[in-house]
PDB file of N, CA and C in Angstrom:
ATOM      1  N   MET A   1     125.847-145.997 100.434  1.00  0.00           N
ATOM      2  CA  MET A   1     125.864-146.793 100.702  1.00  0.00           C
ATOM      3  C   MET A   1     124.493-147.472 101.122  1.00  0.00           C
ATOM      4  N   HIS A   2     124.222-147.464 102.249  1.00  0.00           N
ATOM      5  CA  HIS A   2     123.352-148.111 102.779  1.00  0.00           C
ATOM      6  C   HIS A   2     122.268-147.016 103.585  1.00  0.00           C
ATOM      7  N   ASN A   3     121.256-146.775 103.733  1.00  0.00           N
ATOM      8  CA  ASN A   3     120.276-145.617 103.297  1.00  0.00           C
ATOM      9  C   ASN A   3     119.120-145.849 104.996  1.00  0.00           C
ATOM     10  N   LYS A   4     119.452-145.764 106.117  1.00  0.00           N
ATOM     11  CA  LYS A   4     118.692-145.863 107.744  1.00  0.00           C
ATOM     12  C   LYS A   4     116.800-145.162 107.388  1.00  0.00           C
ATOM     13  N   SER A   5     116.342-146.288 107.227  1.00  0.00           N
ATOM     14  CA  SER A   5     115.017-145.676 106.879  1.00  0.00           C
ATOM     15  C   SER A   5     114.641-144.879 108.524  1.00  0.00           C
ATOM     16  N   LYS A   6     113.778-143.705 108.135  1.00  0.00           N
ATOM     17  CA  LYS A   6     113.262-143.573 109.211  1.00  0.00           C
ATOM     18  C   LYS A   6     112.253-144.407 110.273  1.00  0.00           C
ATOM     19  N   GLN A   7     112.690-145.327 111.263  1.00  0.00           N
ATOM     20  CA  GLN A   7     111.133-145.727 112.401  1.00  0.00           C
ATOM     21  C   GLN A   7     110.708-144.460 112.618  1.00  0.00           C
ATOM     22  N   SER A   8     109.003-144.702 112.804  1.00  0.00           N
ATOM     23  CA  SER A   8     107.646-142.867 113.056  1.00  0.00           C
ATOM     24  C   SER A   8     106.888-144.416 114.069  1.00  0.00           C
ATOM     25  N   SER A   9     106.660-143.263 114.881  1.00  0.00           N
ATOM     26  CA  SER A   9     105.710-143.820 115.670  1.00  0.00           C
ATOM     27  C   SER A   9     104.763-144.795 115.467  1.00  0.00           C
ATOM     28  N   PRO A  10     103.781-144.927 115.995  1.00  0.00           N
ATOM     29  CA  PRO A  10     102.823-145.378 115.965  1.00  0.00           C
ATOM     30  C   PRO A  10     101.146-144.596 115.578  1.00  0.00           C
ATOM     31  N   ALA A  11     101.782-143.665 116.894  1.00  0.00           N
ATOM     32  CA  ALA A  11     101.288-142.319 117.261  1.00  0.00           C
ATOM     33  C   ALA A  11     101.091-141.648 115.986  1.00  0.00           C
ATOM     34  N   ALA A  12     102.287-141.838 115.156  1.00  0.00           N
ATOM     35  CA  ALA A  12     102.643-140.450 114.168  1.00  0.00           C
ATOM     36  C   ALA A  12     101.829-141.221 112.638  1.00  0.00           C
ATOM     37  N   ASP A  13     102.072-142.756 112.961  1.00  0.00           N
ATOM     38  CA  ASP A  13     101.491-143.344 111.505  1.00  0.00           C
ATOM     39  C   ASP A  13     100.043-143.329 111.448  1.00  0.00           C
ATOM     40  N   ARG A  14      99.470-143.128 112.576  1.00  0.00           N
ATOM     41  CA  ARG A  14      97.165-143.225 113.539  1.00  0.00           C
ATOM     42  C   ARG A  14      97.659-141.517 112.710  1.00  0.00           C
ATOM     43  N   ASP A  15      97.898-140.449 112.880  1.00  0.00           N
ATOM     44  CA  ASP A  15      97.916-139.390 112.769  1.00  0.00           C
ATOM     45  C   ASP A  15      97.513-138.617 110.969  1.00  0.00           C
ATOM     46  N   ARG A  16      99.208-140.070 110.410  1.00  0.00           N
ATOM     47  CA  ARG A  16      98.846-139.587 109.358  1.00  0.00           C
ATOM     48  C   ARG A  16      97.717-140.042 108.366  1.00  0.00           C
ATOM     49  N   ARG A  17      97.417-140.972 108.753  1.00  0.00           N
ATOM     50  CA  ARG A  17      97.191-141.737 108.042  1.00  0.00           C
ATOM     51  C   ARG A  17      95.377-141.587 108.064  1.00  0.00           C
ATOM     52  N   LYS A  18      94.891-141.160 107.038  1.00  0.00           N
ATOM     53  CA  LYS A  18      93.736-140.496 107.099  1.00  0.00           C
ATOM     54  C   LYS A  18      92.517-141.868 107.572  1.00  0.00           C
ATOM     55  N   GLY A  19      91.604-141.862 108.921  1.00  0.00           N
ATOM     56  CA  GLY A  19      90.810-141.821 109.738  1.00  0.00           C
ATOM     57  C   GLY A  19      89.296-142.285 108.401  1.00  0.00           C
ATOM     58  N   PRO A  20      88.651-142.559 109.236  1.00  0.00           N
ATOM     59  CA  PRO A  20      87.138-142.729 108.820  1.00  0.00           C
ATOM     60  C   PRO A  20      86.750-141.318 109.278  1.00  0.00           C
ATOM     61  N   CYS A  21      86.897-140.725 109.858  1.00  0.00           N
ATOM     62  CA  CYS A  21      86.092-139.433 111.019  1.00  0.00           C
ATOM     63  C   CYS A  21      87.442-138.320 111.048  1.00  0.00           C
ATOM     64  N   PRO A  22      88.076-138.360 110.511  1.00  0.00           N
ATOM     65  CA  PRO A  22      89.381-136.890 111.482  1.00  0.00           C
ATOM     66  C   PRO A  22      89.023-136.237 111.779  1.00  0.00           C
ATOM     67  N   ALA A  23      89.407-135.848 113.054  1.00  0.00           N
ATOM     68  CA  ALA A  23      88.855-134.520 113.425  1.00  0.00           C
ATOM     69  C   ALA A  23      88.885-133.252 112.944  1.00  0.00           C
ATOM     70  N   ASP A  24      89.299-133.075 111.978  1.00  0.00           N
ATOM     71  CA  ASP A  24      88.914-131.489 111.418  1.00  0.00           C
ATOM     72  C   ASP A  24      87.654-131.876 110.526  1.00  0.00           C
ATOM     73  N   MET A  25      86.669-132.408 110.055  1.00  0.00           N
ATOM     74  CA  MET A  25      85.470-132.558 109.955  1.00  0.00           C
ATOM     75  C   MET A  25      84.215-132.316 111.116  1.00  0.00           C
ATOM     76  N   THR A  26      83.531-131.306 109.738  1.00  0.00           N
ATOM     77  CA  THR A  26      82.315-130.830 110.875  1.00  0.00           C
ATOM     78  C   THR A  26      81.096-131.349 111.373  1.00  0.00           C
ATOM     79  N   PRO A  27      80.650-130.958 112.108  1.00  0.00           N
ATOM     80  CA  PRO A  27      79.569-131.974 111.380  1.00  0.00           C
ATOM     81  C   PRO A  27      78.774-132.212 111.102  1.00  0.00           C
ATOM     82  N   LYS A  28      78.200-131.791 110.158  1.00  0.00           N
ATOM     83  CA  LYS A  28      77.795-132.229 108.714  1.00  0.00           C
ATOM     84  C   LYS A  28      77.874-132.921 108.144  1.00  0.00           C
ATOM     85  N   GLN A  29      79.707-132.762 107.912  1.00  0.00           N
ATOM     86  CA  GLN A  29      80.501-133.949 107.774  1.00  0.00           C
ATOM     87  C   GLN A  29      80.432-135.139 107.899  1.00  0.00           C
ATOM     88  N   LYS A  30      80.788-135.180 109.370  1.00  0.00           N
ATOM     89  CA  LYS A  30      80.176-136.155 109.442  1.00  0.00           C
ATOM     90  C   LYS A  30      79.079-137.183 109.510  1.00  0.00           C
ATOM     91  N   ALA A  31      77.668-136.555 109.829  1.00  0.00           N
ATOM     92  CA  ALA A  31      76.734-137.437 109.417  1.00  0.00           C
ATOM     93  C   ALA A  31      76.802-137.784 108.005  1.00  0.00           C
ATOM     94  N   ALA A  32      77.052-137.216 107.259  1.00  0.00           N
ATOM     95  CA  ALA A  32      77.192-137.559 105.849  1.00  0.00           C
ATOM     96  C   ALA A  32      77.730-138.429 105.765  1.00  0.00           C
ATOM     97  N   ASP A  33      79.199-138.717 106.793  1.00  0.00           N
ATOM     98  CA  ASP A  33      80.283-139.618 106.398  1.00  0.00           C
ATOM     99  C   ASP A  33      79.576-141.173 106.833  1.00  0.00           C
ATOM    100  N   THR A  34      78.368-140.690 108.146  1.00  0.00           N
ATOM    101  CA  THR A  34      77.982-142.128 108.368  1.00  0.00           C
ATOM    102  C   THR A  34      76.472-142.415 107.604  1.00  0.00           C
ATOM    103  N   VAL A  35      75.590-141.185 107.162  1.00  0.00           N
ATOM    104  CA  VAL A  35      74.578-141.819 106.282  1.00  0.00           C
ATOM    105  C   VAL A  35      75.702-143.016 105.269  1.00  0.00           C
ATOM    106  N   ARG A  36      76.490-142.462 104.495  1.00  0.00           N
ATOM    107  CA  ARG A  36      76.899-143.341 103.668  1.00  0.00           C
ATOM    108  C   ARG A  36      77.331-144.382 103.998  1.00  0.00           C
ATOM    109  N   THR A  37      78.084-144.632 105.398  1.00  0.00           N
ATOM    110  CA  THR A  37      78.823-145.411 105.657  1.00  0.00           C
ATOM    111  C   THR A  37      77.261-146.598 106.188  1.00  0.00           C
ATOM    112  N   VAL A  38      75.858-145.918 106.813  1.00  0.00           N
ATOM    113  CA  VAL A  38      75.323-146.786 106.554  1.00  0.00           C
ATOM    114  C   VAL A  38      74.921-147.390 105.258  1.00  0.00           C
ATOM    115  N   LEU A  39      74.044-146.590 104.080  1.00  0.00           N
ATOM    116  CA  LEU A  39      74.095-147.128 103.123  1.00  0.00           C
ATOM    117  C   LEU A  39      74.199-148.074 102.339  1.00  0.00           C
ATOM    118  N   ARG A  40      75.991-147.735 102.448  1.00  0.00           N
ATOM    119  CA  ARG A  40      76.687-149.089 102.038  1.00  0.00           C
ATOM    120  C   ARG A  40      76.411-150.481 102.845  1.00  0.00           C
ATOM    121  N   TRP A  41      76.560-150.168 103.999  1.00  0.00           N
ATOM    122  CA  TRP A  41      75.754-151.402 104.647  1.00  0.00           C
ATOM    123  C   TRP A  41      74.629-151.694 103.983  1.00  0.00           C
ATOM    124  N   PHE A  42      73.389-150.955 104.124  1.00  0.00           N
ATOM    125  CA  PHE A  42      72.071-151.509 103.356  1.00  0.00           C
ATOM    126  C   PHE A  42      72.448-151.934 102.044  1.00  0.00           C
ATOM    127  N   PHE A  43      72.978-152.022 101.345  1.00  0.00           N
ATOM    128  CA  PHE A  43      73.269-152.610 100.260  1.00  0.00           C
ATOM    129  C   PHE A  43      73.608-153.887  99.926  1.00  0.00           C
ATOM    130  N   MET A  44      74.735-153.168 100.763  1.00  0.00           N
ATOM    131  CA  MET A  44      75.863-155.111 101.229  1.00  0.00           C
ATOM    132  C   MET A  44      75.182-155.910 101.470  1.00  0.00           C
ATOM    133  N   THR A  45      73.974-155.203 102.489  1.00  0.00           N
ATOM    134  CA  THR A  45      73.143-156.243 102.951  1.00  0.00           C
ATOM    135  C   THR A  45      71.807-157.425 102.004  1.00  0.00           C
ATOM    136  N   ILE A  46      71.355-156.108 100.503  1.00  0.00           N
ATOM    137  CA  ILE A  46      70.977-156.747  99.452  1.00  0.00           C
ATOM    138  C   ILE A  46      71.654-157.316  99.149  1.00  0.00           C
ATOM    139  N   PHE A  47      73.065-157.036  98.584  1.00  0.00           N
ATOM    140  CA  PHE A  47      73.415-157.650  97.531  1.00  0.00           C
ATOM    141  C   PHE A  47      74.008-159.541  98.754  1.00  0.00           C
ATOM    142  N   LEU A  48      74.276-159.418  99.896  1.00  0.00           N
ATOM    143  CA  LEU A  48      74.380-160.803 100.783  1.00  0.00           C
ATOM    144  C   LEU A  48      73.553-161.419 100.485  1.00  0.00           C
ATOM    145  N   PHE A  49      72.050-160.995 100.980  1.00  0.00           N
ATOM    146  CA  PHE A  49      70.991-161.850 100.556  1.00  0.00           C
ATOM    147  C   PHE A  49      70.579-162.379  98.761  1.00  0.00           C
ATOM    148  N   VAL A  50      70.760-161.804  97.984  1.00  0.00           N
ATOM    149  CA  VAL A  50      70.372-162.371  96.849  1.00  0.00           C
ATOM    150  C   VAL A  50      72.040-163.643  96.349  1.00  0.00           C
ATOM    151  N   TYR A  51      72.916-162.775  96.822  1.00  0.00           N
ATOM    152  CA  TYR A  51      74.523-163.635  96.810  1.00  0.00           C
ATOM    153  C   TYR A  51      74.019-165.283  96.913  1.00  0.00           C
ATOM    154  N   TRP A  52      73.939-165.297  98.864  1.00  0.00           N
ATOM    155  CA  TRP A  52      73.135-166.425  98.933  1.00  0.00           C
ATOM    156  C   TRP A  52      71.959-167.426  99.066  1.00  0.00           C
ATOM    157  N   LEU A  53      70.612-166.424  98.120  1.00  0.00           N
ATOM    158  CA  LEU A  53      70.136-167.125  97.550  1.00  0.00           C
ATOM    159  C   LEU A  53      70.887-167.694  95.995  1.00  0.00           C
ATOM    160  N   ALA A  54      71.192-166.851  95.167  1.00  0.00           N
ATOM    161  CA  ALA A  54      71.900-167.810  93.745  1.00  0.00           C
ATOM    162  C   ALA A  54      72.542-168.861  94.352  1.00  0.00           C
ATOM    163  N   ILE A  55      73.453-168.381  95.109  1.00  0.00           N
ATOM    164  CA  ILE A  55      74.620-170.052  95.716  1.00  0.00           C
ATOM    165  C   ILE A  55      73.223-171.176  96.014  1.00  0.00           C
ATOM    166  N   LEU A  56      72.304-170.705  97.097  1.00  0.00           N
ATOM    167  CA  LEU A  56      71.390-172.061  97.416  1.00  0.00           C
ATOM    168  C   LEU A  56      70.693-173.249  95.899  1.00  0.00           C
ATOM    169  N   LEU A  57      70.184-171.834  95.154  1.00  0.00           N
ATOM    170  CA  LEU A  57      69.608-172.253  93.810  1.00  0.00           C
ATOM    171  C   LEU A  57      70.069-172.895  94.010  1.00  0.00           C
ATOM    172  N   LEU A  58      71.924-172.923  93.137  1.00  0.00           N
ATOM    173  CA  LEU A  58      72.586-173.730  92.226  1.00  0.00           C
ATOM    174  C   LEU A  58      72.803-174.975  92.996  1.00  0.00           C
ATOM    175  N   ALA A  59      73.539-174.366  94.028  1.00  0.00           N
ATOM    176  CA  ALA A  59      72.681-175.852  94.785  1.00  0.00           C
ATOM    177  C   ALA A  59      72.409-176.795  94.986  1.00  0.00           C
ATOM    178  N   SER A  60      70.827-176.484  94.896  1.00  0.00           N
ATOM    179  CA  SER A  60      69.306-177.143  94.720  1.00  0.00           C
ATOM    180  C   SER A  60      69.774-177.694  93.686  1.00  0.00           C
ATOM    181  N   LEU A  61      69.650-177.943  92.400  1.00  0.00           N
ATOM    182  CA  LEU A  61      69.715-177.712  90.602  1.00  0.00           C
ATOM    183  C   LEU A  61      70.974-179.098  91.574  1.00  0.00           C
ATOM    184  N   PHE A  62      72.391-179.134  91.597  1.00  0.00           N
ATOM    185  CA  PHE A  62      73.289-179.646  91.778  1.00  0.00           C
ATOM    186  C   PHE A  62      72.786-181.441  92.642  1.00  0.00           C
ATOM    187  N   LEU A  63      72.407-180.362  93.709  1.00  0.00           N
ATOM    188  CA  LEU A  63      72.147-181.924  94.929  1.00  0.00           C
ATOM    189  C   LEU A  63      70.390-182.280  94.706  1.00  0.00           C
ATOM    190  N   MET A  64      69.731-181.850  93.773  1.00  0.00           N
ATOM    191  CA  MET A  64      68.751-182.326  93.476  1.00  0.00           C
ATOM    192  C   MET A  64      67.625-183.352  93.901  1.00  0.00           C
ATOM    193  N   ASN A  65      68.479-184.483  93.746  1.00  0.00           N
ATOM    194  CA  ASN A  65      68.130-186.060  94.017  1.00  0.00           C
ATOM    195  C   ASN A  65      68.325-185.948  95.120  1.00  0.00           C
ATOM    196  N   VAL A  66      69.057-185.306  96.027  1.00  0.00           N
ATOM    197  CA  VAL A  66      70.291-185.631  97.522  1.00  0.00           C
ATOM    198  C   VAL A  66      68.740-184.400  98.303  1.00  0.00           C
ATOM    199  N   TRP A  67      69.013-183.291  98.013  1.00  0.00           N
ATOM    200  CA  TRP A  67      68.463-182.615  98.743  1.00  0.00           C
ATOM    201  C   TRP A  67      67.290-181.851  98.484  1.00  0.00           C
ATOM    202  N   LYS A  68      66.180-181.923  98.798  1.00  0.00           N
ATOM    203  CA  LYS A  68      64.649-182.257  98.677  1.00  0.00           C
ATOM    204  C   LYS A  68      64.595-180.335  99.733  1.00  0.00           C
ATOM    205  N   VAL A  69      64.386-179.369  98.596  1.00  0.00           N
ATOM    206  CA  VAL A  69      64.452-178.181  99.786  1.00  0.00           C
ATOM    207  C   VAL A  69      62.949-177.395  98.090  1.00  0.00           C
ATOM    208  N   THR A  70      62.404-176.534  99.036  1.00  0.00           N
ATOM    209  CA  THR A  70      61.048-175.471  98.120  1.00  0.00           C
ATOM    210  C   THR A  70      62.060-174.259  98.551  1.00  0.00           C
ATOM    211  N   MET A  71      60.908-173.476  97.707  1.00  0.00           N
ATOM    212  CA  MET A  71      62.092-172.557  97.359  1.00  0.00           C
ATOM    213  C   MET A  71      61.786-171.136  98.617  1.00  0.00           C
ATOM    214  N   THR A  72      60.594-171.569  99.347  1.00  0.00           N
ATOM    215  CA  THR A  72      60.312-170.727 101.337  1.00  0.00           C
ATOM    216  C   THR A  72      61.307-171.155 101.928  1.00  0.00           C
ATOM    217  N   GLN A  73      62.004-172.423 101.549  1.00  0.00           N
ATOM    218  CA  GLN A  73      63.148-172.296 102.686  1.00  0.00           C
ATOM    219  C   GLN A  73      64.003-172.554 102.228  1.00  0.00           C
ATOM    220  N   LEU A  74      64.417-172.336 100.855  1.00  0.00           N
ATOM    221  CA  LEU A  74      65.526-171.509 100.478  1.00  0.00           C
ATOM    222  C   LEU A  74      65.765-169.752 100.777  1.00  0.00           C
ATOM    223  N   ILE A  75      64.366-169.249 100.501  1.00  0.00           N
ATOM    224  CA  ILE A  75      64.677-167.667 100.918  1.00  0.00           C
ATOM    225  C   ILE A  75      64.266-167.237 103.098  1.00  0.00           C
ATOM    226  N   ILE A  76      64.260-168.403 103.114  1.00  0.00           N
ATOM    227  CA  ILE A  76      64.520-168.699 104.496  1.00  0.00           C
ATOM    228  C   ILE A  76      66.287-168.586 105.081  1.00  0.00           C
ATOM    229  N   TYR A  77      66.554-169.835 104.449  1.00  0.00           N
ATOM    230  CA  TYR A  77      68.260-170.148 104.259  1.00  0.00           C
ATOM    231  C   TYR A  77      69.269-169.017 103.813  1.00  0.00           C
ATOM    232  N   SER A  78      68.651-168.605 103.171  1.00  0.00           N
ATOM    233  CA  SER A  78      68.743-166.912 102.221  1.00  0.00           C
ATOM    234  C   SER A  78      68.831-166.034 102.832  1.00  0.00           C
ATOM    235  N   CYS A  79      67.653-165.607 104.224  1.00  0.00           N
ATOM    236  CA  CYS A  79      67.205-164.410 104.740  1.00  0.00           C
ATOM    237  C   CYS A  79      68.339-164.699 106.195  1.00  0.00           C
ATOM    238  N   VAL A  80      68.970-165.869 106.475  1.00  0.00           N
ATOM    239  CA  VAL A  80      69.654-166.354 107.654  1.00  0.00           C
ATOM    240  C   VAL A  80      70.930-166.202 107.230  1.00  0.00           C
ATOM    241  N   LEU A  81      71.495-166.871 106.356  1.00  0.00           N
ATOM    242  CA  LEU A  81      72.821-166.842 106.326  1.00  0.00           C
ATOM    243  C   LEU A  81      73.483-164.703 106.015  1.00  0.00           C
ATOM    244  N   GLY A  82      72.455-164.450 105.320  1.00  0.00           N
ATOM    245  CA  GLY A  82      72.653-162.632 104.208  1.00  0.00           C
ATOM    246  C   GLY A  82      72.699-162.379 105.424  1.00  0.00           C
ATOM    247  N   GLY A  83      71.749-162.338 106.783  1.00  0.00           N
ATOM    248  CA  GLY A  83      71.681-162.153 108.380  1.00  0.00           C
ATOM    249  C   GLY A  83      72.801-162.255 108.693  1.00  0.00           C
ATOM    250  N   ILE A  84      72.989-162.934 109.026  1.00  0.00           N
ATOM    251  CA  ILE A  84      74.257-163.678 109.425  1.00  0.00           C
ATOM    252  C   ILE A  84      75.669-162.628 109.355  1.00  0.00           C
ATOM    253  N   SER A  85      75.782-162.642 107.415  1.00  0.00           N
ATOM    254  CA  SER A  85      76.545-162.195 106.877  1.00  0.00           C
ATOM    255  C   SER A  85      77.056-160.474 107.131  1.00  0.00           C
ATOM    256  N   SER A  86      76.024-159.982 107.577  1.00  0.00           N
ATOM    257  CA  SER A  86      75.707-158.670 107.026  1.00  0.00           C
ATOM    258  C   SER A  86      76.473-158.155 109.097  1.00  0.00           C
ATOM    259  N   LEU A  87      75.595-158.971 109.896  1.00  0.00           N
ATOM    260  CA  LEU A  87      76.067-159.287 110.592  1.00  0.00           C
ATOM    261  C   LEU A  87      78.063-158.304 110.917  1.00  0.00           C
ATOM    262  N   VAL A  88      78.290-159.508 110.040  1.00  0.00           N
ATOM    263  CA  VAL A  88      79.994-159.068 110.324  1.00  0.00           C
ATOM    264  C   VAL A  88      79.829-158.685 109.537  1.00  0.00           C
ATOM    265  N   TYR A  89      79.953-157.531 108.666  1.00  0.00           N
ATOM    266  CA  TYR A  89      79.762-156.839 108.144  1.00  0.00           C
ATOM    267  C   TYR A  89      79.860-155.222 108.672  1.00  0.00           C
ATOM    268  N   ALA A  90      78.796-155.809 109.254  1.00  0.00           N
ATOM    269  CA  ALA A  90      78.596-154.295 110.097  1.00  0.00           C
ATOM    270  C   ALA A  90      79.470-154.087 110.959  1.00  0.00           C
ATOM    271  N   VAL A  91      80.090-155.330 112.060  1.00  0.00           N
ATOM    272  CA  VAL A  91      81.105-155.857 113.173  1.00  0.00           C
ATOM    273  C   VAL A  91      82.973-154.778 112.107  1.00  0.00           C
ATOM    274  N   ILE A  92      82.312-155.101 111.001  1.00  0.00           N
ATOM    275  CA  ILE A  92      83.881-155.324 110.403  1.00  0.00           C
ATOM    276  C   ILE A  92      83.573-153.707 109.944  1.00  0.00           C
ATOM    277  N   LEU A  93      82.674-152.849 110.161  1.00  0.00           N
ATOM    278  CA  LEU A  93      82.667-151.507 109.468  1.00  0.00           C
ATOM    279  C   LEU A  93      82.461-150.140 110.698  1.00  0.00           C
ATOM    280  N   ILE A  94      82.493-151.165 111.808  1.00  0.00           N
ATOM    281  CA  ILE A  94      82.210-150.585 113.641  1.00  0.00           C
ATOM    282  C   ILE A  94      83.914-150.165 113.803  1.00  0.00           C
ATOM    283  N   ARG A  95      84.835-152.004 113.330  1.00  0.00           N
ATOM    284  CA  ARG A  95      85.838-151.639 114.427  1.00  0.00           C
ATOM    285  C   ARG A  95      86.806-150.785 113.011  1.00  0.00           C
ATOM    286  N   ARG A  96      86.270-150.439 112.020  1.00  0.00           N
ATOM    287  CA  ARG A  96      87.113-149.696 111.374  1.00  0.00           C
ATOM    288  C   ARG A  96      86.958-148.131 111.314  1.00  0.00           C
ATOM    289  N   ARG A  97      85.378-148.120 111.878  1.00  0.00           N
ATOM    290  CA  ARG A  97      85.402-146.099 112.151  1.00  0.00           C
ATOM    291  C   ARG A  97      85.378-146.078 114.092  1.00  0.00           C
ATOM    292  N   THR A  98      85.774-147.144 114.872  1.00  0.00           N
ATOM    293  CA  THR A  98      86.232-146.977 116.088  1.00  0.00           C
ATOM    294  C   THR A  98      88.005-146.673 116.378  1.00  0.00           C
ATOM    295  N   ARG A  99      88.890-147.171 115.229  1.00  0.00           N
ATOM    296  CA  ARG A  99      89.890-147.363 115.431  1.00  0.00           C
ATOM    297  C   ARG A  99      90.324-145.691 114.835  1.00  0.00           C
TER     298      ARG A  99
END
């Protein structure tokens, strides 16, 4: 008939879940994991800059008669938007690591 599933505690779920830095990792493995995370953040930051630059270039083409902008301004805007996006991504990575 009806099979009741066992309810597990949050602590058991946390122990069963593979976290970003399990307790049985050696210091070398922790350092390698940290370096991997920093490299992921760095490459994501580069991607976000290129993404925002492409979006702003397209927007400037579509709004050519309305929005007069130079390439220097587009690069500055891309840096600002990429920096904001990168900070948000860094906060997400830090929250994942501290859970």
